[in-house]
């Protein structure tokens, strides 16, 4: 499965310890989840909950970070998307899993209210 998104950790994304700020990672994870969910429901799908985060290794500035996202459950209006994050060192082939988490997103209609995931597309 190809990654939903890829990003390079930049100095502006760093925490005071010189590694990527966990808030940046969570934001990128939410973008990956949103990409998969909006493709599935063919419309707007904002995040309504986030759960089960685990951060197992730091991301170094310059690392290429791949965000793998897949729908793990679907309700009438909601989707749960699991996101798995891997880093590749900038000047090599070494990879390492750095984070996992889960997001709940809701399919939204043109009127701004929840709609069926498989309902009329906007």
PDB file of N, CA and C in Angstrom:
ATOM      1  N   UNK A   1       0.847  -1.169   0.000  1.00  0.00           N
ATOM      2  CA  UNK A   1       0.000   0.000   0.000  1.00  0.00           C
ATOM      3  C   UNK A   1       0.897   1.238   0.000  1.00  0.00           C
ATOM      4  N   UNK A   2       0.667   2.157  -0.936  1.00  0.00           N
ATOM      5  CA  UNK A   2       1.464   3.393  -0.942  1.00  0.00           C
ATOM      6  C   UNK A   2       1.033   4.304   0.201  1.00  0.00           C
ATOM      7  N   UNK A   3       1.912   5.193   0.627  1.00  0.00           N
ATOM      8  CA  UNK A   3       1.513   6.117   1.694  1.00  0.00           C
ATOM      9  C   UNK A   3       0.444   7.087   1.209  1.00  0.00           C
ATOM     10  N   UNK A   4      -0.430   7.490   2.138  1.00  0.00           N
ATOM     11  CA  UNK A   4      -1.446   8.499   1.821  1.00  0.00           C
ATOM     12  C   UNK A   4      -0.770   9.833   1.549  1.00  0.00           C
ATOM     13  N   UNK A   5       0.239  10.154   2.347  1.00  0.00           N
ATOM     14  CA  UNK A   5       1.050  11.354   2.128  1.00  0.00           C
ATOM     15  C   UNK A   5       2.480  11.093   2.583  1.00  0.00           C
ATOM     16  N   UNK A   6       3.380  11.921   2.087  1.00  0.00           N
ATOM     17  CA  UNK A   6       4.773  11.926   2.537  1.00  0.00           C
ATOM     18  C   UNK A   6       5.148  13.361   2.829  1.00  0.00           C
ATOM     19  N   UNK A   7       6.032  13.535   3.799  1.00  0.00           N
ATOM     20  CA  UNK A   7       6.502  14.875   4.145  1.00  0.00           C
ATOM     21  C   UNK A   7       7.954  14.777   4.600  1.00  0.00           C
ATOM     22  N   UNK A   8       8.641  15.881   4.514  1.00  0.00           N
ATOM     23  CA  UNK A   8       9.995  15.971   5.050  1.00  0.00           C
ATOM     24  C   UNK A   8       9.934  16.819   6.302  1.00  0.00           C
ATOM     25  N   UNK A   9      10.478  16.312   7.398  1.00  0.00           N
ATOM     26  CA  UNK A   9      10.514  17.067   8.646  1.00  0.00           C
ATOM     27  C   UNK A   9      11.528  18.203   8.500  1.00  0.00           C
ATOM     28  N   UNK A  10      11.050  19.413   8.693  1.00  0.00           N
ATOM     29  CA  UNK A  10      11.884  20.604   8.531  1.00  0.00           C
ATOM     30  C   UNK A  10      12.175  21.229   9.895  1.00  0.00           C
ATOM     31  N   UNK A  11      13.151  22.124   9.923  1.00  0.00           N
ATOM     32  CA  UNK A  11      13.545  22.772  11.183  1.00  0.00           C
ATOM     33  C   UNK A  11      12.368  23.505  11.831  1.00  0.00           C
ATOM     34  N   UNK A  12      11.483  24.075  11.021  1.00  0.00           N
ATOM     35  CA  UNK A  12      10.313  24.777  11.572  1.00  0.00           C
ATOM     36  C   UNK A  12       9.353  23.830  12.287  1.00  0.00           C
ATOM     37  N   UNK A  13       9.486  22.517  12.037  1.00  0.00           N
ATOM     38  CA  UNK A  13       8.625  21.507  12.662  1.00  0.00           C
ATOM     39  C   UNK A  13       9.229  20.937  13.936  1.00  0.00           C
ATOM     40  N   UNK A  14      10.381  21.463  14.336  1.00  0.00           N
ATOM     41  CA  UNK A  14      11.127  20.887  15.462  1.00  0.00           C
ATOM     42  C   UNK A  14      10.662  21.407  16.812  1.00  0.00           C
ATOM     43  N   UNK A  15      10.834  20.548  17.805  1.00  0.00           N
ATOM     44  CA  UNK A  15      10.583  20.918  19.200  1.00  0.00           C
ATOM     45  C   UNK A  15      11.896  21.455  19.794  1.00  0.00           C
ATOM     46  N   UNK A  16      11.910  21.854  21.046  1.00  0.00           N
ATOM     47  CA  UNK A  16      13.143  22.388  21.646  1.00  0.00           C
ATOM     48  C   UNK A  16      14.291  21.376  21.720  1.00  0.00           C
ATOM     49  N   UNK A  17      14.004  20.094  21.491  1.00  0.00           N
ATOM     50  CA  UNK A  17      15.039  19.061  21.559  1.00  0.00           C
ATOM     51  C   UNK A  17      15.633  18.735  20.189  1.00  0.00           C
ATOM     52  N   UNK A  18      15.146  19.421  19.120  1.00  0.00           N
ATOM     53  CA  UNK A  18      15.721  19.242  17.798  1.00  0.00           C
ATOM     54  C   UNK A  18      15.136  18.111  16.981  1.00  0.00           C
ATOM     55  N   UNK A  19      14.050  17.535  17.442  1.00  0.00           N
ATOM     56  CA  UNK A  19      13.359  16.508  16.661  1.00  0.00           C
ATOM     57  C   UNK A  19      11.956  17.030  16.336  1.00  0.00           C
ATOM     58  N   UNK A  20      11.275  16.343  15.432  1.00  0.00           N
ATOM     59  CA  UNK A  20       9.950  16.812  15.008  1.00  0.00           C
ATOM     60  C   UNK A  20       8.991  16.854  16.197  1.00  0.00           C
ATOM     61  N   UNK A  21       8.273  17.954  16.302  1.00  0.00           N
ATOM     62  CA  UNK A  21       7.276  18.169  17.340  1.00  0.00           C
ATOM     63  C   UNK A  21       6.130  17.180  17.142  1.00  0.00           C
ATOM     64  N   UNK A  22       5.688  16.534  18.203  1.00  0.00           N
ATOM     65  CA  UNK A  22       4.619  15.542  18.094  1.00  0.00           C
ATOM     66  C   UNK A  22       3.336  16.168  17.545  1.00  0.00           C
ATOM     67  N   UNK A  23       3.115  17.431  17.808  1.00  0.00           N
ATOM     68  CA  UNK A  23       1.940  18.117  17.253  1.00  0.00           C
ATOM     69  C   UNK A  23       1.997  18.176  15.733  1.00  0.00           C
ATOM     70  N   UNK A  24       3.193  18.355  15.174  1.00  0.00           N
ATOM     71  CA  UNK A  24       3.349  18.328  13.714  1.00  0.00           C
ATOM     72  C   UNK A  24       3.011  16.940  13.190  1.00  0.00           C
ATOM     73  N   UNK A  25       3.526  15.912  13.860  1.00  0.00           N
ATOM     74  CA  UNK A  25       3.226  14.531  13.432  1.00  0.00           C
ATOM     75  C   UNK A  25       1.729  14.261  13.470  1.00  0.00           C
ATOM     76  N   UNK A  26       1.067  14.672  14.548  1.00  0.00           N
ATOM     77  CA  UNK A  26      -0.376  14.441  14.661  1.00  0.00           C
ATOM     78  C   UNK A  26      -1.140  15.191  13.574  1.00  0.00           C
ATOM     79  N   UNK A  27      -0.716  16.395  13.256  1.00  0.00           N
ATOM     80  CA  UNK A  27      -1.364  17.151  12.188  1.00  0.00           C
ATOM     81  C   UNK A  27      -1.226  16.468  10.842  1.00  0.00           C
ATOM     82  N   UNK A  28      -0.038  15.966  10.549  1.00  0.00           N
ATOM     83  CA  UNK A  28       0.186  15.250   9.299  1.00  0.00           C
ATOM     84  C   UNK A  28      -0.616  13.946   9.270  1.00  0.00           C
ATOM     85  N   UNK A  29      -0.716  13.290  10.420  1.00  0.00           N
ATOM     86  CA  UNK A  29      -1.515  12.065  10.510  1.00  0.00           C
ATOM     87  C   UNK A  29      -2.984  12.366  10.218  1.00  0.00           C
ATOM     88  N   UNK A  30      -3.480  13.482  10.744  1.00  0.00           N
ATOM     89  CA  UNK A  30      -4.870  13.877  10.486  1.00  0.00           C
ATOM     90  C   UNK A  30      -5.080  14.183   9.004  1.00  0.00           C
ATOM     91  N   UNK A  31      -4.095  14.811   8.360  1.00  0.00           N
ATOM     92  CA  UNK A  31      -4.200  15.068   6.922  1.00  0.00           C
ATOM     93  C   UNK A  31      -4.278  13.762   6.134  1.00  0.00           C
ATOM     94  N   UNK A  32      -3.468  12.782   6.513  1.00  0.00           N
ATOM     95  CA  UNK A  32      -3.491  11.479   5.832  1.00  0.00           C
ATOM     96  C   UNK A  32      -4.844  10.802   6.028  1.00  0.00           C
ATOM     97  N   UNK A  33      -5.355  10.828   7.262  1.00  0.00           N
ATOM     98  CA  UNK A  33      -6.659  10.226   7.541  1.00  0.00           C
ATOM     99  C   UNK A  33      -7.753  10.932   6.748  1.00  0.00           C
ATOM    100  N   UNK A  34      -7.701  12.246   6.690  1.00  0.00           N
ATOM    101  CA  UNK A  34      -8.692  13.017   5.951  1.00  0.00           C
ATOM    102  C   UNK A  34      -8.662  12.736   4.466  1.00  0.00           C
ATOM    103  N   UNK A  35      -7.482  12.529   3.924  1.00  0.00           N
ATOM    104  CA  UNK A  35      -7.352  12.218   2.502  1.00  0.00           C
ATOM    105  C   UNK A  35      -8.051  10.907   2.168  1.00  0.00           C
ATOM    106  N   UNK A  36      -7.814   9.894   2.973  1.00  0.00           N
ATOM    107  CA  UNK A  36      -8.427   8.576   2.752  1.00  0.00           C
ATOM    108  C   UNK A  36      -9.938   8.637   2.965  1.00  0.00           C
ATOM    109  N   UNK A  37     -10.373   9.307   4.031  1.00  0.00           N
ATOM    110  CA  UNK A  37     -11.809   9.370   4.346  1.00  0.00           C
ATOM    111  C   UNK A  37     -12.584  10.162   3.297  1.00  0.00           C
ATOM    112  N   UNK A  38     -12.044  11.293   2.854  1.00  0.00           N
ATOM    113  CA  UNK A  38     -12.773  12.095   1.870  1.00  0.00           C
ATOM    114  C   UNK A  38     -12.833  11.403   0.521  1.00  0.00           C
ATOM    115  N   UNK A  39     -11.811  10.626   0.211  1.00  0.00           N
ATOM    116  CA  UNK A  39     -11.853   9.842  -1.025  1.00  0.00           C
ATOM    117  C   UNK A  39     -12.940   8.776  -0.931  1.00  0.00           C
ATOM    118  N   UNK A  40     -13.045   8.143   0.235  1.00  0.00           N
ATOM    119  CA  UNK A  40     -14.034   7.081   0.431  1.00  0.00           C
ATOM    120  C   UNK A  40     -15.462   7.608   0.351  1.00  0.00           C
ATOM    121  N   UNK A  41     -15.739   8.736   1.022  1.00  0.00           N
ATOM    122  CA  UNK A  41     -17.116   9.249   1.058  1.00  0.00           C
ATOM    123  C   UNK A  41     -17.388  10.257  -0.055  1.00  0.00           C
ATOM    124  N   UNK A  42     -16.368  10.566  -0.856  1.00  0.00           N
ATOM    125  CA  UNK A  42     -16.512  11.492  -1.988  1.00  0.00           C
ATOM    126  C   UNK A  42     -16.997  12.871  -1.565  1.00  0.00           C
ATOM    127  N   UNK A  43     -16.453  13.337  -0.440  1.00  0.00           N
ATOM    128  CA  UNK A  43     -16.836  14.656   0.041  1.00  0.00           C
ATOM    129  C   UNK A  43     -16.049  15.056   1.268  1.00  0.00           C
ATOM    130  N   UNK A  44     -16.532  16.079   1.921  1.00  0.00           N
ATOM    131  CA  UNK A  44     -15.898  16.606   3.125  1.00  0.00           C
ATOM    132  C   UNK A  44     -16.033  15.614   4.265  1.00  0.00           C
ATOM    133  N   UNK A  45     -14.934  15.428   5.013  1.00  0.00           N
ATOM    134  CA  UNK A  45     -14.939  14.497   6.142  1.00  0.00           C
ATOM    135  C   UNK A  45     -14.005  15.013   7.233  1.00  0.00           C
ATOM    136  N   UNK A  46     -14.487  15.884   8.106  1.00  0.00           N
ATOM    137  CA  UNK A  46     -13.638  16.423   9.164  1.00  0.00           C
ATOM    138  C   UNK A  46     -13.384  15.404  10.283  1.00  0.00           C
ATOM    139  N   UNK A  47     -12.268  15.585  10.954  1.00  0.00           N
ATOM    140  CA  UNK A  47     -11.921  14.770  12.119  1.00  0.00           C
ATOM    141  C   UNK A  47     -12.818  15.186  13.287  1.00  0.00           C
ATOM    142  N   UNK A  48     -13.416  14.189  13.962  1.00  0.00           N
ATOM    143  CA  UNK A  48     -14.226  14.474  15.147  1.00  0.00           C
ATOM    144  C   UNK A  48     -13.646  13.853  16.414  1.00  0.00           C
ATOM    145  N   UNK A  49     -12.682  12.922  16.241  1.00  0.00           N
ATOM    146  CA  UNK A  49     -12.043  12.303  17.399  1.00  0.00           C
ATOM    147  C   UNK A  49     -10.705  11.720  16.987  1.00  0.00           C
ATOM    148  N   UNK A  50      -9.806  11.631  17.954  1.00  0.00           N
ATOM    149  CA  UNK A  50      -8.499  11.017  17.744  1.00  0.00           C
ATOM    150  C   UNK A  50      -8.207  10.152  18.962  1.00  0.00           C
ATOM    151  N   UNK A  51      -7.584   8.993  18.726  1.00  0.00           N
ATOM    152  CA  UNK A  51      -7.437   8.036  19.821  1.00  0.00           C
ATOM    153  C   UNK A  51      -6.235   7.122  19.579  1.00  0.00           C
ATOM    154  N   UNK A  52      -5.758   6.510  20.644  1.00  0.00           N
ATOM    155  CA  UNK A  52      -4.782   5.429  20.565  1.00  0.00           C
ATOM    156  C   UNK A  52      -3.420   5.801  20.017  1.00  0.00           C
ATOM    157  N   UNK A  53      -2.948   6.992  20.329  1.00  0.00           N
ATOM    158  CA  UNK A  53      -1.656   7.410  19.800  1.00  0.00           C
ATOM    159  C   UNK A  53      -0.515   6.792  20.581  1.00  0.00           C
ATOM    160  N   UNK A  54       0.492   6.401  19.834  1.00  0.00           N
ATOM    161  CA  UNK A  54       1.715   5.885  20.420  1.00  0.00           C
ATOM    162  C   UNK A  54       2.873   6.397  19.574  1.00  0.00           C
ATOM    163  N   UNK A  55       3.855   6.995  20.230  1.00  0.00           N
ATOM    164  CA  UNK A  55       5.023   7.522  19.541  1.00  0.00           C
ATOM    165  C   UNK A  55       6.239   6.744  20.026  1.00  0.00           C
ATOM    166  N   UNK A  56       6.826   5.970  19.122  1.00  0.00           N
ATOM    167  CA  UNK A  56       7.857   5.018  19.524  1.00  0.00           C
ATOM    168  C   UNK A  56       9.284   5.439  19.228  1.00  0.00           C
ATOM    169  N   UNK A  57       9.482   6.447  18.372  1.00  0.00           N
ATOM    170  CA  UNK A  57      10.833   6.892  18.040  1.00  0.00           C
ATOM    171  C   UNK A  57      10.767   8.328  17.539  1.00  0.00           C
ATOM    172  N   UNK A  58      11.836   9.093  17.737  1.00  0.00           N
ATOM    173  CA  UNK A  58      11.824  10.476  17.256  1.00  0.00           C
ATOM    174  C   UNK A  58      12.018  10.557  15.753  1.00  0.00           C
ATOM    175  N   UNK A  59      11.503  11.625  15.177  1.00  0.00           N
ATOM    176  CA  UNK A  59      11.722  11.936  13.765  1.00  0.00           C
ATOM    177  C   UNK A  59      12.772  13.037  13.723  1.00  0.00           C
ATOM    178  N   UNK A  60      13.848  12.786  13.010  1.00  0.00           N
ATOM    179  CA  UNK A  60      14.928  13.750  12.903  1.00  0.00           C
ATOM    180  C   UNK A  60      14.621  14.770  11.807  1.00  0.00           C
ATOM    181  N   UNK A  61      15.109  15.960  11.983  1.00  0.00           N
ATOM    182  CA  UNK A  61      14.955  16.985  10.951  1.00  0.00           C
ATOM    183  C   UNK A  61      15.617  16.459   9.671  1.00  0.00           C
ATOM    184  N   UNK A  62      14.899  16.562   8.563  1.00  0.00           N
ATOM    185  CA  UNK A  62      15.402  16.059   7.289  1.00  0.00           C
ATOM    186  C   UNK A  62      14.902  14.678   6.931  1.00  0.00           C
ATOM    187  N   UNK A  63      14.344  13.951   7.894  1.00  0.00           N
ATOM    188  CA  UNK A  63      13.796  12.625   7.599  1.00  0.00           C
ATOM    189  C   UNK A  63      12.625  12.736   6.627  1.00  0.00           C
ATOM    190  N   UNK A  64      12.507  11.748   5.750  1.00  0.00           N
ATOM    191  CA  UNK A  64      11.304  11.618   4.934  1.00  0.00           C
ATOM    192  C   UNK A  64      10.319  10.794   5.757  1.00  0.00           C
ATOM    193  N   UNK A  65       9.119  11.321   5.933  1.00  0.00           N
ATOM    194  CA  UNK A  65       8.131  10.668   6.787  1.00  0.00           C
ATOM    195  C   UNK A  65       6.953  10.227   5.925  1.00  0.00           C
ATOM    196  N   UNK A  66       6.626   8.934   5.990  1.00  0.00           N
ATOM    197  CA  UNK A  66       5.518   8.364   5.215  1.00  0.00           C
ATOM    198  C   UNK A  66       4.369   8.047   6.151  1.00  0.00           C
ATOM    199  N   UNK A  67       3.173   8.480   5.750  1.00  0.00           N
ATOM    200  CA  UNK A  67       1.960   8.314   6.556  1.00  0.00           C
ATOM    201  C   UNK A  67       1.023   7.367   5.820  1.00  0.00           C
ATOM    202  N   UNK A  68       0.899   6.149   6.325  1.00  0.00           N
ATOM    203  CA  UNK A  68       0.039   5.131   5.730  1.00  0.00           C
ATOM    204  C   UNK A  68      -1.301   5.174   6.446  1.00  0.00           C
ATOM    205  N   UNK A  69      -2.376   5.281   5.701  1.00  0.00           N
ATOM    206  CA  UNK A  69      -3.705   5.413   6.305  1.00  0.00           C
ATOM    207  C   UNK A  69      -4.664   4.445   5.637  1.00  0.00           C
ATOM    208  N   UNK A  70      -5.503   3.816   6.454  1.00  0.00           N
ATOM    209  CA  UNK A  70      -6.506   2.892   5.928  1.00  0.00           C
ATOM    210  C   UNK A  70      -7.749   2.938   6.802  1.00  0.00           C
ATOM    211  N   UNK A  71      -8.894   2.823   6.163  1.00  0.00           N
ATOM    212  CA  UNK A  71     -10.158   2.777   6.897  1.00  0.00           C
ATOM    213  C   UNK A  71     -10.259   1.429   7.590  1.00  0.00           C
ATOM    214  N   UNK A  72     -10.483   1.468   8.897  1.00  0.00           N
ATOM    215  CA  UNK A  72     -10.566   0.235   9.679  1.00  0.00           C
ATOM    216  C   UNK A  72     -11.997  -0.096  10.088  1.00  0.00           C
ATOM    217  N   UNK A  73     -12.886   0.892  10.028  1.00  0.00           N
ATOM    218  CA  UNK A  73     -14.303   0.670  10.348  1.00  0.00           C
ATOM    219  C   UNK A  73     -15.123   1.770   9.699  1.00  0.00           C
ATOM    220  N   UNK A  74     -16.363   1.416   9.347  1.00  0.00           N
ATOM    221  CA  UNK A  74     -17.278   2.384   8.761  1.00  0.00           C
ATOM    222  C   UNK A  74     -18.630   2.257   9.437  1.00  0.00           C
ATOM    223  N   UNK A  75     -19.155   3.382   9.888  1.00  0.00           N
ATOM    224  CA  UNK A  75     -20.510   3.434  10.426  1.00  0.00           C
ATOM    225  C   UNK A  75     -21.427   4.045   9.381  1.00  0.00           C
ATOM    226  N   UNK A  76     -22.596   4.471   9.802  1.00  0.00           N
ATOM    227  CA  UNK A  76     -23.514   5.086   8.843  1.00  0.00           C
ATOM    228  C   UNK A  76     -22.969   6.416   8.332  1.00  0.00           C
ATOM    229  N   UNK A  77     -22.474   7.270   9.245  1.00  0.00           N
ATOM    230  CA  UNK A  77     -21.940   8.570   8.839  1.00  0.00           C
ATOM    231  C   UNK A  77     -20.451   8.728   9.136  1.00  0.00           C
ATOM    232  N   UNK A  78     -19.879   7.796   9.865  1.00  0.00           N
ATOM    233  CA  UNK A  78     -18.486   7.955  10.300  1.00  0.00           C
ATOM    234  C   UNK A  78     -17.563   6.878   9.745  1.00  0.00           C
ATOM    235  N   UNK A  79     -16.295   7.218   9.755  1.00  0.00           N
ATOM    236  CA  UNK A  79     -15.239   6.295   9.343  1.00  0.00           C
ATOM    237  C   UNK A  79     -14.118   6.372  10.368  1.00  0.00           C
ATOM    238  N   UNK A  80     -13.558   5.227  10.720  1.00  0.00           N
ATOM    239  CA  UNK A  80     -12.384   5.182  11.569  1.00  0.00           C
ATOM    240  C   UNK A  80     -11.198   4.877  10.665  1.00  0.00           C
ATOM    241  N   UNK A  81     -10.165   5.698  10.784  1.00  0.00           N
ATOM    242  CA  UNK A  81      -8.984   5.551   9.936  1.00  0.00           C
ATOM    243  C   UNK A  81      -7.762   5.350  10.826  1.00  0.00           C
ATOM    244  N   UNK A  82      -7.068   4.248  10.619  1.00  0.00           N
ATOM    245  CA  UNK A  82      -5.816   3.993  11.319  1.00  0.00           C
ATOM    246  C   UNK A  82      -4.667   4.569  10.505  1.00  0.00           C
ATOM    247  N   UNK A  83      -3.719   5.200  11.203  1.00  0.00           N
ATOM    248  CA  UNK A  83      -2.559   5.792  10.529  1.00  0.00           C
ATOM    249  C   UNK A  83      -1.285   5.232  11.153  1.00  0.00           C
ATOM    250  N   UNK A  84      -0.398   4.783  10.294  1.00  0.00           N
ATOM    251  CA  UNK A  84       0.879   4.193  10.667  1.00  0.00           C
ATOM    252  C   UNK A  84       1.968   5.083  10.067  1.00  0.00           C
ATOM    253  N   UNK A  85       2.940   5.516  10.875  1.00  0.00           N
ATOM    254  CA  UNK A  85       3.941   6.484  10.425  1.00  0.00           C
ATOM    255  C   UNK A  85       5.339   5.873  10.468  1.00  0.00           C
ATOM    256  N   UNK A  86       6.049   6.040   9.365  1.00  0.00           N
ATOM    257  CA  UNK A  86       7.421   5.528   9.232  1.00  0.00           C
ATOM    258  C   UNK A  86       8.348   6.645   8.800  1.00  0.00           C
ATOM    259  N   UNK A  87       9.571   6.620   9.305  1.00  0.00           N
ATOM    260  CA  UNK A  87      10.604   7.573   8.904  1.00  0.00           C
ATOM    261  C   UNK A  87      11.672   6.858   8.091  1.00  0.00           C
ATOM    262  N   UNK A  88      12.254   7.601   7.145  1.00  0.00           N
ATOM    263  CA  UNK A  88      13.439   7.122   6.423  1.00  0.00           C
ATOM    264  C   UNK A  88      14.506   8.177   6.622  1.00  0.00           C
ATOM    265  N   UNK A  89      15.658   7.730   7.076  1.00  0.00           N
ATOM    266  CA  UNK A  89      16.732   8.685   7.315  1.00  0.00           C
ATOM    267  C   UNK A  89      17.112   9.393   6.019  1.00  0.00           C
ATOM    268  N   UNK A  90      17.485  10.632   6.135  1.00  0.00           N
ATOM    269  CA  UNK A  90      17.694  11.514   4.987  1.00  0.00           C
ATOM    270  C   UNK A  90      18.714  10.978   3.982  1.00  0.00           C
ATOM    271  N   UNK A  91      19.800  10.443   4.465  1.00  0.00           N
ATOM    272  CA  UNK A  91      20.886  10.048   3.568  1.00  0.00           C
ATOM    273  C   UNK A  91      21.106   8.543   3.547  1.00  0.00           C
ATOM    274  N   UNK A  92      20.033   7.793   3.682  1.00  0.00           N
ATOM    275  CA  UNK A  92      20.194   6.349   3.683  1.00  0.00           C
ATOM    276  C   UNK A  92      18.884   5.636   3.442  1.00  0.00           C
ATOM    277  N   UNK A  93      18.934   4.342   3.656  1.00  0.00           N
ATOM    278  CA  UNK A  93      17.770   3.503   3.423  1.00  0.00           C
ATOM    279  C   UNK A  93      17.116   3.017   4.721  1.00  0.00           C
ATOM    280  N   UNK A  94      17.687   3.359   5.853  1.00  0.00           N
ATOM    281  CA  UNK A  94      17.144   2.887   7.124  1.00  0.00           C
ATOM    282  C   UNK A  94      15.761   3.446   7.390  1.00  0.00           C
ATOM    283  N   UNK A  95      14.845   2.573   7.769  1.00  0.00           N
ATOM    284  CA  UNK A  95      13.484   2.989   8.100  1.00  0.00           C
ATOM    285  C   UNK A  95      13.136   2.543   9.506  1.00  0.00           C
ATOM    286  N   UNK A  96      12.177   3.228  10.092  1.00  0.00           N
ATOM    287  CA  UNK A  96      11.744   2.914  11.448  1.00  0.00           C
ATOM    288  C   UNK A  96      10.313   3.403  11.637  1.00  0.00           C
ATOM    289  N   UNK A  97       9.508   2.566  12.276  1.00  0.00           N
ATOM    290  CA  UNK A  97       8.146   2.984  12.625  1.00  0.00           C
ATOM    291  C   UNK A  97       8.242   3.970  13.777  1.00  0.00           C
ATOM    292  N   UNK A  98       7.541   5.106  13.645  1.00  0.00           N
ATOM    293  CA  UNK A  98       7.661   6.145  14.665  1.00  0.00           C
ATOM    294  C   UNK A  98       6.359   6.447  15.401  1.00  0.00           C
ATOM    295  N   UNK A  99       5.216   6.115  14.794  1.00  0.00           N
ATOM    296  CA  UNK A  99       3.950   6.452  15.454  1.00  0.00           C
ATOM    297  C   UNK A  99       2.791   5.667  14.850  1.00  0.00           C
ATOM    298  N   UNK A 100       1.732   5.510  15.649  1.00  0.00           N
ATOM    299  CA  UNK A 100       0.452   4.972  15.186  1.00  0.00           C
ATOM    300  C   UNK A 100      -0.648   5.768  15.873  1.00  0.00           C
ATOM    301  N   UNK A 101      -1.804   5.782  15.259  1.00  0.00           N
ATOM    302  CA  UNK A 101      -2.943   6.462  15.854  1.00  0.00           C
ATOM    303  C   UNK A 101      -4.189   6.189  15.049  1.00  0.00           C
ATOM    304  N   UNK A 102      -5.316   6.603  15.582  1.00  0.00           N
ATOM    305  CA  UNK A 102      -6.597   6.359  14.952  1.00  0.00           C
ATOM    306  C   UNK A 102      -7.433   7.634  14.995  1.00  0.00           C
ATOM    307  N   UNK A 103      -8.137   7.907  13.897  1.00  0.00           N
ATOM    308  CA  UNK A 103      -8.991   9.087  13.790  1.00  0.00           C
ATOM    309  C   UNK A 103     -10.400   8.661  13.419  1.00  0.00           C
ATOM    310  N   UNK A 104     -11.391   9.376  13.940  1.00  0.00           N
ATOM    311  CA  UNK A 104     -12.772   9.212  13.511  1.00  0.00           C
ATOM    312  C   UNK A 104     -13.145  10.451  12.720  1.00  0.00           C
ATOM    313  N   UNK A 105     -13.684  10.237  11.534  1.00  0.00           N
ATOM    314  CA  UNK A 105     -14.091  11.328  10.653  1.00  0.00           C
ATOM    315  C   UNK A 105     -15.542  11.123  10.271  1.00  0.00           C
ATOM    316  N   UNK A 106     -16.252  12.209  10.013  1.00  0.00           N
ATOM    317  CA  UNK A 106     -17.671  12.139   9.672  1.00  0.00           C
ATOM    318  C   UNK A 106     -17.891  12.722   8.284  1.00  0.00           C
ATOM    319  N   UNK A 107     -18.632  11.976   7.449  1.00  0.00           N
ATOM    320  CA  UNK A 107     -19.010  12.466   6.124  1.00  0.00           C
ATOM    321  C   UNK A 107     -20.006  13.602   6.300  1.00  0.00           C
ATOM    322  N   UNK A 108     -19.760  14.715   5.617  1.00  0.00           N
ATOM    323  CA  UNK A 108     -20.611  15.891   5.750  1.00  0.00           C
ATOM    324  C   UNK A 108     -21.290  16.204   4.429  1.00  0.00           C
ATOM    325  N   UNK A 109     -22.551  16.608   4.524  1.00  0.00           N
ATOM    326  CA  UNK A 109     -23.306  17.017   3.349  1.00  0.00           C
ATOM    327  C   UNK A 109     -23.062  18.475   3.022  1.00  0.00           C
ATOM    328  N   UNK A 110     -23.625  18.913   1.903  1.00  0.00           N
ATOM    329  CA  UNK A 110     -23.476  20.303   1.462  1.00  0.00           C
ATOM    330  C   UNK A 110     -24.053  21.284   2.478  1.00  0.00           C
ATOM    331  N   UNK A 111     -25.012  20.813   3.281  1.00  0.00           N
ATOM    332  CA  UNK A 111     -25.637  21.690   4.281  1.00  0.00           C
ATOM    333  C   UNK A 111     -24.866  21.723   5.602  1.00  0.00           C
ATOM    334  N   UNK A 112     -23.727  21.031   5.660  1.00  0.00           N
ATOM    335  CA  UNK A 112     -22.897  21.049   6.858  1.00  0.00           C
ATOM    336  C   UNK A 112     -23.330  20.099   7.946  1.00  0.00           C
ATOM    337  N   UNK A 113     -24.230  19.166   7.632  1.00  0.00           N
ATOM    338  CA  UNK A 113     -24.659  18.169   8.611  1.00  0.00           C
ATOM    339  C   UNK A 113     -24.160  16.802   8.180  1.00  0.00           C
ATOM    340  N   UNK A 114     -24.023  15.878   9.152  1.00  0.00           N
ATOM    341  CA  UNK A 114     -23.566  14.534   8.792  1.00  0.00           C
ATOM    342  C   UNK A 114     -24.498  13.875   7.777  1.00  0.00           C
ATOM    343  N   UNK A 115     -23.914  13.108   6.892  1.00  0.00           N
ATOM    344  CA  UNK A 115     -24.668  12.364   5.890  1.00  0.00           C
ATOM    345  C   UNK A 115     -24.123  10.945   5.844  1.00  0.00           C
ATOM    346  N   UNK A 116     -24.850  10.054   5.221  1.00  0.00           N
ATOM    347  CA  UNK A 116     -24.392   8.682   5.088  1.00  0.00           C
ATOM    348  C   UNK A 116     -23.095   8.635   4.294  1.00  0.00           C
ATOM    349  N   UNK A 117     -22.179   7.792   4.732  1.00  0.00           N
ATOM    350  CA  UNK A 117     -20.911   7.626   4.024  1.00  0.00           C
ATOM    351  C   UNK A 117     -21.161   7.277   2.570  1.00  0.00           C
ATOM    352  N   UNK A 118     -22.123   6.427   2.320  1.00  0.00           N
ATOM    353  CA  UNK A 118     -22.440   6.010   0.956  1.00  0.00           C
ATOM    354  C   UNK A 118     -23.604   6.803   0.355  1.00  0.00           C
ATOM    355  N   UNK A 119     -23.932   7.930   0.988  1.00  0.00           N
ATOM    356  CA  UNK A 119     -25.049   8.745   0.527  1.00  0.00           C
ATOM    357  C   UNK A 119     -24.702   9.597  -0.671  1.00  0.00           C
ATOM    358  N   UNK A 120     -25.564  10.530  -0.994  1.00  0.00           N
ATOM    359  CA  UNK A 120     -25.329  11.401  -2.154  1.00  0.00           C
ATOM    360  C   UNK A 120     -24.013  12.157  -1.974  1.00  0.00           C
ATOM    361  N   UNK A 121     -23.191  12.118  -2.990  1.00  0.00           N
ATOM    362  CA  UNK A 121     -21.905  12.774  -2.938  1.00  0.00           C
ATOM    363  C   UNK A 121     -22.056  14.248  -3.226  1.00  0.00           C
ATOM    364  N   UNK A 122     -21.120  15.026  -2.679  1.00  0.00           N
ATOM    365  CA  UNK A 122     -21.151  16.466  -2.948  1.00  0.00           C
ATOM    366  C   UNK A 122     -19.940  16.858  -3.765  1.00  0.00           C
TER     367      UNK A 122
END
